[in-house]
PDB file of N, CA and C in Angstrom:
ATOM      1  N   MET A   1      -2.390 -13.923   3.000  1.00  0.00           N
ATOM      2  CA  MET A   1      -2.470 -12.898   1.986  1.00  0.00           C
ATOM      3  C   MET A   1      -2.402 -11.537   2.674  1.00  0.00           C
ATOM      4  N   LEU A   2      -1.778 -10.568   2.008  1.00  0.00           N
ATOM      5  CA  LEU A   2      -1.634  -9.246   2.582  1.00  0.00           C
ATOM      6  C   LEU A   2      -2.466  -8.222   1.819  1.00  0.00           C
ATOM      7  N   LYS A   3      -3.008  -7.276   2.540  1.00  0.00           N
ATOM      8  CA  LYS A   3      -3.767  -6.184   1.934  1.00  0.00           C
ATOM      9  C   LYS A   3      -3.042  -4.880   2.246  1.00  0.00           C
ATOM     10  N   SER A   4      -2.850  -4.061   1.230  1.00  0.00           N
ATOM     11  CA  SER A   4      -2.147  -2.806   1.404  1.00  0.00           C
ATOM     12  C   SER A   4      -2.988  -1.787   2.163  1.00  0.00           C
ATOM     13  N   LYS A   5      -2.327  -1.072   3.064  1.00  0.00           N
ATOM     14  CA  LYS A   5      -2.960   0.032   3.773  1.00  0.00           C
ATOM     15  C   LYS A   5      -2.231   1.337   3.439  1.00  0.00           C
ATOM     16  N   ILE A   6      -1.517   1.338   2.327  1.00  0.00           N
ATOM     17  CA  ILE A   6      -0.738   2.507   1.929  1.00  0.00           C
ATOM     18  C   ILE A   6      -1.654   3.701   1.701  1.00  0.00           C
ATOM     19  N   ALA A   7      -2.751   3.509   0.991  1.00  0.00           N
ATOM     20  CA  ALA A   7      -3.684   4.614   0.724  1.00  0.00           C
ATOM     21  C   ALA A   7      -4.217   5.181   2.037  1.00  0.00           C
ATOM     22  N   TYR A   8      -4.551   4.315   2.962  1.00  0.00           N
ATOM     23  CA  TYR A   8      -5.069   4.746   4.257  1.00  0.00           C
ATOM     24  C   TYR A   8      -4.082   5.692   4.943  1.00  0.00           C
ATOM     25  N   TRP A   9      -2.803   5.302   5.012  1.00  0.00           N
ATOM     26  CA  TRP A   9      -1.817   6.096   5.739  1.00  0.00           C
ATOM     27  C   TRP A   9      -1.472   7.384   5.005  1.00  0.00           C
ATOM     28  N   ILE A  10      -1.401   7.344   3.684  1.00  0.00           N
ATOM     29  CA  ILE A  10      -1.125   8.571   2.934  1.00  0.00           C
ATOM     30  C   ILE A  10      -2.252   9.574   3.170  1.00  0.00           C
ATOM     31  N   ASP A  11      -3.486   9.093   3.089  1.00  0.00           N
ATOM     32  CA  ASP A  11      -4.638   9.973   3.318  1.00  0.00           C
ATOM     33  C   ASP A  11      -4.691  10.457   4.764  1.00  0.00           C
ATOM     34  N   LYS A  12      -4.431   9.558   5.708  1.00  0.00           N
ATOM     35  CA  LYS A  12      -4.482   9.912   7.129  1.00  0.00           C
ATOM     36  C   LYS A  12      -3.461  11.000   7.454  1.00  0.00           C
ATOM     37  N   ARG A  13      -2.313  10.955   6.807  1.00  0.00           N
ATOM     38  CA  ARG A  13      -1.271  11.956   7.051  1.00  0.00           C
ATOM     39  C   ARG A  13      -1.514  13.238   6.249  1.00  0.00           C
ATOM     40  N   GLY A  14      -2.534  13.218   5.391  1.00  0.00           N
ATOM     41  CA  GLY A  14      -2.861  14.405   4.618  1.00  0.00           C
ATOM     42  C   GLY A  14      -1.859  14.720   3.530  1.00  0.00           C
ATOM     43  N   LEU A  15      -1.197  13.705   3.023  1.00  0.00           N
ATOM     44  CA  LEU A  15      -0.184  13.907   1.989  1.00  0.00           C
ATOM     45  C   LEU A  15      -0.773  13.693   0.606  1.00  0.00           C
ATOM     46  N   ARG A  16      -0.288  14.439  -0.340  1.00  0.00           N
ATOM     47  CA  ARG A  16      -0.707  14.274  -1.731  1.00  0.00           C
ATOM     48  C   ARG A  16       0.219  13.269  -2.407  1.00  0.00           C
ATOM     49  N   SER A  17      -0.322  12.562  -3.367  1.00  0.00           N
ATOM     50  CA  SER A  17       0.463  11.548  -4.082  1.00  0.00           C
ATOM     51  C   SER A  17       1.677  12.150  -4.772  1.00  0.00           C
ATOM     52  N   ASP A  18       1.547  13.368  -5.309  1.00  0.00           N
ATOM     53  CA  ASP A  18       2.693  13.979  -5.987  1.00  0.00           C
ATOM     54  C   ASP A  18       3.820  14.289  -5.000  1.00  0.00           C
ATOM     55  N   PHE A  19       3.463  14.647  -3.762  1.00  0.00           N
ATOM     56  CA  PHE A  19       4.479  14.883  -2.735  1.00  0.00           C
ATOM     57  C   PHE A  19       5.190  13.582  -2.381  1.00  0.00           C
ATOM     58  N   VAL A  20       4.404  12.530  -2.146  1.00  0.00           N
ATOM     59  CA  VAL A  20       4.976  11.220  -1.814  1.00  0.00           C
ATOM     60  C   VAL A  20       5.887  10.749  -2.939  1.00  0.00           C
ATOM     61  N   ALA A  21       5.430  10.895  -4.180  1.00  0.00           N
ATOM     62  CA  ALA A  21       6.220  10.480  -5.336  1.00  0.00           C
ATOM     63  C   ALA A  21       7.558  11.222  -5.368  1.00  0.00           C
ATOM     64  N   GLY A  22       7.518  12.529  -5.136  1.00  0.00           N
ATOM     65  CA  GLY A  22       8.746  13.324  -5.147  1.00  0.00           C
ATOM     66  C   GLY A  22       9.709  12.913  -4.046  1.00  0.00           C
ATOM     67  N   GLU A  23       9.183  12.665  -2.865  1.00  0.00           N
ATOM     68  CA  GLU A  23      10.024  12.269  -1.734  1.00  0.00           C
ATOM     69  C   GLU A  23      10.687  10.906  -1.958  1.00  0.00           C
ATOM     70  N   LEU A  24      10.000  10.029  -2.666  1.00  0.00           N
ATOM     71  CA  LEU A  24      10.516   8.668  -2.881  1.00  0.00           C
ATOM     72  C   LEU A  24      11.172   8.504  -4.243  1.00  0.00           C
ATOM     73  N   ASN A  25      11.165   9.588  -5.033  1.00  0.00           N
ATOM     74  CA  ASN A  25      11.771   9.562  -6.361  1.00  0.00           C
ATOM     75  C   ASN A  25      11.146   8.475  -7.256  1.00  0.00           C
ATOM     76  N   VAL A  26       9.816   8.451  -7.261  1.00  0.00           N
ATOM     77  CA  VAL A  26       9.050   7.561  -8.138  1.00  0.00           C
ATOM     78  C   VAL A  26       7.981   8.410  -8.833  1.00  0.00           C
ATOM     79  N   SER A  27       7.316   7.860  -9.799  1.00  0.00           N
ATOM     80  CA  SER A  27       6.266   8.594 -10.502  1.00  0.00           C
ATOM     81  C   SER A  27       4.972   8.610  -9.683  1.00  0.00           C
ATOM     82  N   GLN A  28       4.124   9.598  -9.988  1.00  0.00           N
ATOM     83  CA  GLN A  28       2.807   9.642  -9.345  1.00  0.00           C
ATOM     84  C   GLN A  28       2.002   8.411  -9.728  1.00  0.00           C
ATOM     85  N   ALA A  29       2.197   7.931 -10.956  1.00  0.00           N
ATOM     86  CA  ALA A  29       1.487   6.728 -11.402  1.00  0.00           C
ATOM     87  C   ALA A  29       1.856   5.528 -10.530  1.00  0.00           C
ATOM     88  N   GLN A  30       3.123   5.452 -10.136  1.00  0.00           N
ATOM     89  CA  GLN A  30       3.563   4.339  -9.291  1.00  0.00           C
ATOM     90  C   GLN A  30       2.903   4.424  -7.921  1.00  0.00           C
ATOM     91  N   VAL A  31       2.851   5.617  -7.342  1.00  0.00           N
ATOM     92  CA  VAL A  31       2.196   5.791  -6.043  1.00  0.00           C
ATOM     93  C   VAL A  31       0.721   5.422  -6.164  1.00  0.00           C
ATOM     94  N   SER A  32       0.097   5.818  -7.261  1.00  0.00           N
ATOM     95  CA  SER A  32      -1.312   5.481  -7.486  1.00  0.00           C
ATOM     96  C   SER A  32      -1.519   3.971  -7.516  1.00  0.00           C
ATOM     97  N   LYS A  33      -0.614   3.258  -8.167  1.00  0.00           N
ATOM     98  CA  LYS A  33      -0.709   1.790  -8.206  1.00  0.00           C
ATOM     99  C   LYS A  33      -0.561   1.199  -6.814  1.00  0.00           C
ATOM    100  N   TRP A  34       0.332   1.757  -6.019  1.00  0.00           N
ATOM    101  CA  TRP A  34       0.499   1.279  -4.643  1.00  0.00           C
ATOM    102  C   TRP A  34      -0.781   1.496  -3.856  1.00  0.00           C
ATOM    103  N   LYS A  35      -1.368   2.691  -4.015  1.00  0.00           N
ATOM    104  CA  LYS A  35      -2.583   3.026  -3.264  1.00  0.00           C
ATOM    105  C   LYS A  35      -3.754   2.130  -3.650  1.00  0.00           C
ATOM    106  N   LYS A  36      -3.815   1.737  -4.911  1.00  0.00           N
ATOM    107  CA  LYS A  36      -4.906   0.880  -5.396  1.00  0.00           C
ATOM    108  C   LYS A  36      -4.627  -0.601  -5.183  1.00  0.00           C
ATOM    109  N   GLY A  37      -3.428  -0.937  -4.724  1.00  0.00           N
ATOM    110  CA  GLY A  37      -3.063  -2.337  -4.517  1.00  0.00           C
ATOM    111  C   GLY A  37      -2.722  -3.071  -5.798  1.00  0.00           C
ATOM    112  N   LYS A  38      -2.462  -2.323  -6.880  1.00  0.00           N
ATOM    113  CA  LYS A  38      -2.124  -2.947  -8.166  1.00  0.00           C
ATOM    114  C   LYS A  38      -0.636  -3.250  -8.276  1.00  0.00           C
ATOM    115  N   ALA A  39       0.147  -2.674  -7.389  1.00  0.00           N
ATOM    116  CA  ALA A  39       1.596  -2.915  -7.344  1.00  0.00           C
ATOM    117  C   ALA A  39       2.043  -2.686  -5.906  1.00  0.00           C
ATOM    118  N   HIS A  40       3.223  -3.148  -5.603  1.00  0.00           N
ATOM    119  CA  HIS A  40       3.784  -2.980  -4.268  1.00  0.00           C
ATOM    120  C   HIS A  40       5.158  -2.338  -4.383  1.00  0.00           C
ATOM    121  N   PRO A  41       5.505  -1.482  -3.432  1.00  0.00           N
ATOM    122  CA  PRO A  41       6.827  -0.852  -3.477  1.00  0.00           C
ATOM    123  C   PRO A  41       7.936  -1.869  -3.274  1.00  0.00           C
ATOM    124  N   ARG A  42       9.072  -1.602  -3.903  1.00  0.00           N
ATOM    125  CA  ARG A  42      10.256  -2.419  -3.632  1.00  0.00           C
ATOM    126  C   ARG A  42      10.658  -2.185  -2.178  1.00  0.00           C
ATOM    127  N   VAL A  43      11.438  -3.082  -1.642  1.00  0.00           N
ATOM    128  CA  VAL A  43      11.780  -3.058  -0.219  1.00  0.00           C
ATOM    129  C   VAL A  43      12.370  -1.716   0.206  1.00  0.00           C
ATOM    130  N   GLU A  44      13.328  -1.191  -0.566  1.00  0.00           N
ATOM    131  CA  GLU A  44      13.963   0.068  -0.158  1.00  0.00           C
ATOM    132  C   GLU A  44      12.956   1.227  -0.152  1.00  0.00           C
ATOM    133  N   LYS A  45      12.011   1.224  -1.092  1.00  0.00           N
ATOM    134  CA  LYS A  45      10.980   2.263  -1.129  1.00  0.00           C
ATOM    135  C   LYS A  45       9.969   2.069   0.001  1.00  0.00           C
ATOM    136  N   LEU A  46       9.723   0.828   0.348  1.00  0.00           N
ATOM    137  CA  LEU A  46       8.794   0.525   1.433  1.00  0.00           C
ATOM    138  C   LEU A  46       9.300   1.111   2.754  1.00  0.00           C
ATOM    139  N   PHE A  47      10.601   0.955   3.019  1.00  0.00           N
ATOM    140  CA  PHE A  47      11.178   1.505   4.237  1.00  0.00           C
ATOM    141  C   PHE A  47      11.150   3.030   4.227  1.00  0.00           C
ATOM    142  N   LYS A  48      11.448   3.634   3.085  1.00  0.00           N
ATOM    143  CA  LYS A  48      11.398   5.096   2.973  1.00  0.00           C
ATOM    144  C   LYS A  48       9.968   5.608   3.141  1.00  0.00           C
ATOM    145  N   LEU A  49       9.012   4.885   2.578  1.00  0.00           N
ATOM    146  CA  LEU A  49       7.610   5.260   2.697  1.00  0.00           C
ATOM    147  C   LEU A  49       7.163   5.199   4.154  1.00  0.00           C
ATOM    148  N   ALA A  50       7.535   4.132   4.840  1.00  0.00           N
ATOM    149  CA  ALA A  50       7.185   3.997   6.257  1.00  0.00           C
ATOM    150  C   ALA A  50       7.772   5.153   7.064  1.00  0.00           C
ATOM    151  N   ARG A  51       9.012   5.509   6.768  1.00  0.00           N
ATOM    152  CA  ARG A  51       9.655   6.619   7.463  1.00  0.00           C
ATOM    153  C   ARG A  51       8.933   7.935   7.177  1.00  0.00           C
ATOM    154  N   LEU A  52       8.585   8.156   5.913  1.00  0.00           N
ATOM    155  CA  LEU A  52       7.875   9.366   5.511  1.00  0.00           C
ATOM    156  C   LEU A  52       6.522   9.489   6.220  1.00  0.00           C
ATOM    157  N   LEU A  53       5.833   8.353   6.358  1.00  0.00           N
ATOM    158  CA  LEU A  53       4.512   8.332   6.977  1.00  0.00           C
ATOM    159  C   LEU A  53       4.571   8.212   8.495  1.00  0.00           C
ATOM    160  N   ASN A  54       5.791   8.017   9.022  1.00  0.00           N
ATOM    161  CA  ASN A  54       5.992   7.873  10.459  1.00  0.00           C
ATOM    162  C   ASN A  54       5.225   6.676  11.022  1.00  0.00           C
ATOM    163  N   VAL A  55       5.350   5.547  10.308  1.00  0.00           N
ATOM    164  CA  VAL A  55       4.727   4.294  10.742  1.00  0.00           C
ATOM    165  C   VAL A  55       5.746   3.163  10.590  1.00  0.00           C
ATOM    166  N   LYS A  56       5.433   2.018  11.166  1.00  0.00           N
ATOM    167  CA  LYS A  56       6.261   0.829  10.969  1.00  0.00           C
ATOM    168  C   LYS A  56       5.887   0.199   9.627  1.00  0.00           C
ATOM    169  N   VAL A  57       6.811  -0.491   9.015  1.00  0.00           N
ATOM    170  CA  VAL A  57       6.534  -1.180   7.757  1.00  0.00           C
ATOM    171  C   VAL A  57       5.338  -2.111   7.927  1.00  0.00           C
ATOM    172  N   ASP A  58       5.241  -2.761   9.058  1.00  0.00           N
ATOM    173  CA  ASP A  58       4.122  -3.672   9.332  1.00  0.00           C
ATOM    174  C   ASP A  58       2.775  -2.963   9.269  1.00  0.00           C
ATOM    175  N   ASP A  59       2.767  -1.664   9.564  1.00  0.00           N
ATOM    176  CA  ASP A  59       1.517  -0.907   9.539  1.00  0.00           C
ATOM    177  C   ASP A  59       0.998  -0.668   8.123  1.00  0.00           C
ATOM    178  N   LEU A  60       1.862  -0.840   7.134  1.00  0.00           N
ATOM    179  CA  LEU A  60       1.468  -0.571   5.745  1.00  0.00           C
ATOM    180  C   LEU A  60       0.693  -1.718   5.109  1.00  0.00           C
ATOM    181  N   TYR A  61       0.662  -2.856   5.783  1.00  0.00           N
ATOM    182  CA  TYR A  61      -0.065  -4.016   5.272  1.00  0.00           C
ATOM    183  C   TYR A  61      -0.793  -4.695   6.413  1.00  0.00           C
ATOM    184  N   GLU A  62      -1.899  -5.323   6.095  1.00  0.00           N
ATOM    185  CA  GLU A  62      -2.587  -6.129   7.101  1.00  0.00           C
ATOM    186  C   GLU A  62      -2.813  -7.515   6.526  1.00  0.00           C
ATOM    187  N   GLU A  63      -2.764  -8.475   7.395  1.00  0.00           N
ATOM    188  CA  GLU A  63      -2.969  -9.855   6.979  1.00  0.00           C
ATOM    189  C   GLU A  63      -4.460 -10.138   6.894  1.00  0.00           C
ATOM    190  N   ILE A  64      -4.840 -10.781   5.817  1.00  0.00           N
ATOM    191  CA  ILE A  64      -6.227 -11.207   5.658  1.00  0.00           C
ATOM    192  C   ILE A  64      -6.270 -12.665   6.096  1.00  0.00           C
ATOM    193  N   ASP A  65      -7.019 -12.927   7.152  1.00  0.00           N
ATOM    194  CA  ASP A  65      -7.020 -14.254   7.762  1.00  0.00           C
ATOM    195  C   ASP A  65      -7.741 -15.309   6.943  1.00  0.00           C
ATOM    196  N   HIS A  66      -8.837 -14.932   6.320  1.00  0.00           N
ATOM    197  CA  HIS A  66      -9.660 -15.941   5.675  1.00  0.00           C
ATOM    198  C   HIS A  66      -9.859 -15.605   4.204  1.00  0.00           C
ATOM    199  N   ILE A  67      -9.602 -16.581   3.378  1.00  0.00           N
ATOM    200  CA  ILE A  67      -9.880 -16.461   1.950  1.00  0.00           C
ATOM    201  C   ILE A  67     -10.834 -17.578   1.603  1.00  0.00           C
ATOM    202  N   ASP A  68     -11.982 -17.241   1.064  1.00  0.00           N
ATOM    203  CA  ASP A  68     -12.986 -18.247   0.720  1.00  0.00           C
ATOM    204  C   ASP A  68     -12.567 -18.959  -0.559  1.00  0.00           C
ATOM    205  N   THR A  69     -12.203 -20.225  -0.427  1.00  0.00           N
ATOM    206  CA  THR A  69     -11.765 -21.006  -1.582  1.00  0.00           C
ATOM    207  C   THR A  69     -12.773 -22.087  -1.936  1.00  0.00           C
ATOM    208  N   THR A  70     -13.947 -22.058  -1.306  1.00  0.00           N
ATOM    209  CA  THR A  70     -14.946 -23.070  -1.605  1.00  0.00           C
ATOM    210  C   THR A  70     -15.590 -22.776  -2.950  1.00  0.00           C
ATOM    211  N   GLU A  71     -15.848 -23.812  -3.669  1.00  0.00           N
ATOM    212  CA  GLU A  71     -16.520 -23.660  -4.969  1.00  0.00           C
ATOM    213  C   GLU A  71     -18.017 -23.681  -4.765  1.00  0.00           C
ATOM    214  N   LYS A  72     -18.695 -22.847  -5.526  1.00  0.00           N
ATOM    215  CA  LYS A  72     -20.148 -22.818  -5.456  1.00  0.00           C
ATOM    216  C   LYS A  72     -20.699 -23.816  -6.458  1.00  0.00           C
ATOM    217  N   GLU A  73     -21.712 -24.534  -6.016  1.00  0.00           N
ATOM    218  CA  GLU A  73     -22.335 -25.526  -6.892  1.00  0.00           C
ATOM    219  C   GLU A  73     -23.344 -24.860  -7.802  1.00  0.00           C
ATOM    220  N   ASP A  74     -23.401 -25.313  -9.034  1.00  0.00           N
ATOM    221  CA  ASP A  74     -24.420 -24.847  -9.971  1.00  0.00           C
ATOM    222  C   ASP A  74     -25.615 -25.783  -9.870  1.00  0.00           C
ATOM    223  N   PHE A  75     -26.783 -25.239  -9.748  1.00  0.00           N
ATOM    224  CA  PHE A  75     -27.991 -26.061  -9.668  1.00  0.00           C
ATOM    225  C   PHE A  75     -28.801 -25.952 -10.928  1.00  0.00           C
TER     226      PHE A  75
END
């Protein structure tokens, strides 16, 4: 499973969502969804975003190694 680090990099670079939206030709609402992990950029936007943030595409996501899938027993 992947976790978005888009919000981290946008904030780290000191960029405002409206600036990012304008540079990528998307709405501010779309950038907000990306930052909250509610949506993911399409591939072409992902590459442009990485370029804008001066990071590798791989830096925009991190792998989550463990997902707890055990069921809890009711007592």
